[in-house]
């Protein structure tokens, strides 16, 4: 786990106390240098999201990540409350980047 990934993990745990947190560095799927930390997929399950729209959930994640977002090219966020996740625990895999060599 790289330093950006560790920072994402710490910030999201501190902000949301998630029951499930999955952070996947998907940079290898893109045309970037080896060991890059530029593309991430986050699955975040927290009852902090209950009653929030998807847009407001994403805004709250962006606020939690703050200036760290300046170091990230792309982040895919799947945010659920406990009940939603139990009803839909499957997250689709991300497609490979079209420009990947």
Protein backbone atom coordinates (compact mmCIF):
# COMPACT_ATOMS: atom_id res chain seq x y z
CA UNK A 1 0.00 0.00 0.00
CA UNK A 2 1.46 3.34 -1.07
CA UNK A 3 1.51 6.62 0.79
CA UNK A 4 -1.48 8.14 -1.07
CA UNK A 5 -3.52 4.98 -0.54
CA UNK A 6 -2.62 5.01 3.17
CA UNK A 7 -3.64 8.65 3.42
CA UNK A 8 -6.99 7.93 1.76
CA UNK A 9 -7.56 5.09 4.21
CA UNK A 10 -6.76 7.18 7.29
CA UNK A 11 -8.85 10.17 6.21
CA UNK A 12 -11.90 8.05 5.35
CA UNK A 13 -11.72 6.03 8.56
CA UNK A 14 -11.44 9.22 10.60
CA UNK A 15 -14.35 10.89 8.79
CA UNK A 16 -16.80 8.01 8.40
CA UNK A 17 -15.94 5.17 10.82
CA UNK A 18 -16.85 2.74 8.04
CA UNK A 19 -17.89 -0.85 8.59
CA UNK A 20 -16.40 -1.66 5.18
CA UNK A 21 -13.65 0.24 3.40
CA UNK A 22 -12.04 -1.05 0.25
CA UNK A 23 -9.46 1.02 -1.57
CA UNK A 24 -8.12 -0.31 -4.85
CA UNK A 25 -5.25 1.38 -6.61
CA UNK A 26 -6.27 0.91 -10.24
CA UNK A 27 -3.41 2.96 -11.68
CA UNK A 28 -1.91 -0.16 -13.29
CA UNK A 29 -4.97 -0.24 -15.56
CA UNK A 30 -3.97 3.09 -17.12
CA UNK A 31 -1.08 4.46 -19.13
CA UNK A 32 0.94 5.67 -16.13
CA UNK A 33 4.41 4.87 -14.75
CA UNK A 34 4.82 1.68 -12.74
CA UNK A 35 3.86 2.01 -9.05
CA UNK A 36 1.77 5.13 -9.69
CA UNK A 37 -0.95 6.17 -7.27
CA UNK A 38 -3.22 8.16 -9.52
CA UNK A 39 -6.43 6.15 -10.05
CA UNK A 40 -8.48 4.69 -7.19
CA UNK A 41 -11.74 2.87 -6.60
CA UNK A 42 -13.22 3.27 -3.13
CA UNK A 43 -16.07 1.25 -1.64
CA UNK A 44 -17.20 2.91 1.56
CA UNK A 45 -20.00 1.60 3.80
CA UNK A 46 -21.07 3.86 6.64
CA UNK A 47 -24.33 4.78 8.27
CA UNK A 48 -23.15 8.40 7.93
CA UNK A 49 -24.59 8.14 4.40
CA UNK A 50 -28.14 7.31 5.51
CA UNK A 51 -30.55 9.78 3.96
CA UNK A 52 -27.91 11.48 1.78
CA UNK A 53 -28.13 11.64 -2.01
CA UNK A 54 -25.30 10.15 -4.01
CA UNK A 55 -24.08 13.65 -4.89
CA UNK A 56 -23.95 14.68 -1.23
CA UNK A 57 -22.18 11.45 -0.30
CA UNK A 58 -19.50 12.15 -2.89
CA UNK A 59 -19.18 15.75 -1.70
CA UNK A 60 -18.63 14.51 1.85
CA UNK A 61 -15.91 12.12 0.64
CA UNK A 62 -14.26 14.94 -1.31
CA UNK A 63 -14.35 17.16 1.80
CA UNK A 64 -12.79 14.38 3.88
CA UNK A 65 -9.99 13.88 1.35
CA UNK A 66 -9.38 17.62 1.07
CA UNK A 67 -6.07 18.62 -0.51
CA UNK A 68 -5.12 14.98 -1.08
CA UNK A 69 -7.38 15.13 -4.15
CA UNK A 70 -4.71 17.31 -5.79
CA UNK A 71 -2.51 14.19 -5.92
CA UNK A 72 -5.18 11.94 -7.44
CA UNK A 73 -6.10 11.91 -11.12
CA UNK A 74 -9.30 9.84 -10.76
CA UNK A 75 -11.35 8.38 -7.93
CA UNK A 76 -14.41 6.20 -8.32
CA UNK A 77 -16.60 6.23 -5.20
CA UNK A 78 -19.19 3.62 -4.26
CA UNK A 79 -20.83 4.82 -1.05
CA UNK A 80 -23.54 2.93 0.82
CA UNK A 81 -25.20 2.89 4.19
CA UNK A 82 -25.34 -0.50 5.94
CA UNK A 83 -28.82 -1.42 4.69
CA UNK A 84 -28.07 -0.50 1.06
CA UNK A 85 -24.87 -2.50 1.05
CA UNK A 86 -26.55 -5.57 2.50
CA UNK A 87 -29.13 -5.37 -0.30
CA UNK A 88 -26.51 -4.83 -3.04
CA UNK A 89 -23.06 -6.11 -2.02
CA UNK A 90 -21.76 -6.55 -5.58
CA UNK A 91 -19.55 -3.83 -7.05
CA UNK A 92 -18.70 -4.05 -10.72
CA UNK A 93 -15.07 -4.23 -11.77
CA UNK A 94 -13.65 -1.13 -13.41
CA UNK A 95 -12.89 -1.36 -17.13
CA UNK A 96 -9.35 -1.03 -18.42
CA UNK A 97 -8.39 2.37 -19.76
CA UNK A 98 -8.64 2.61 -23.54
CA UNK A 99 -5.16 4.18 -23.68
CA UNK A 100 -3.47 1.42 -21.70
CA UNK A 101 -0.57 -0.14 -23.55
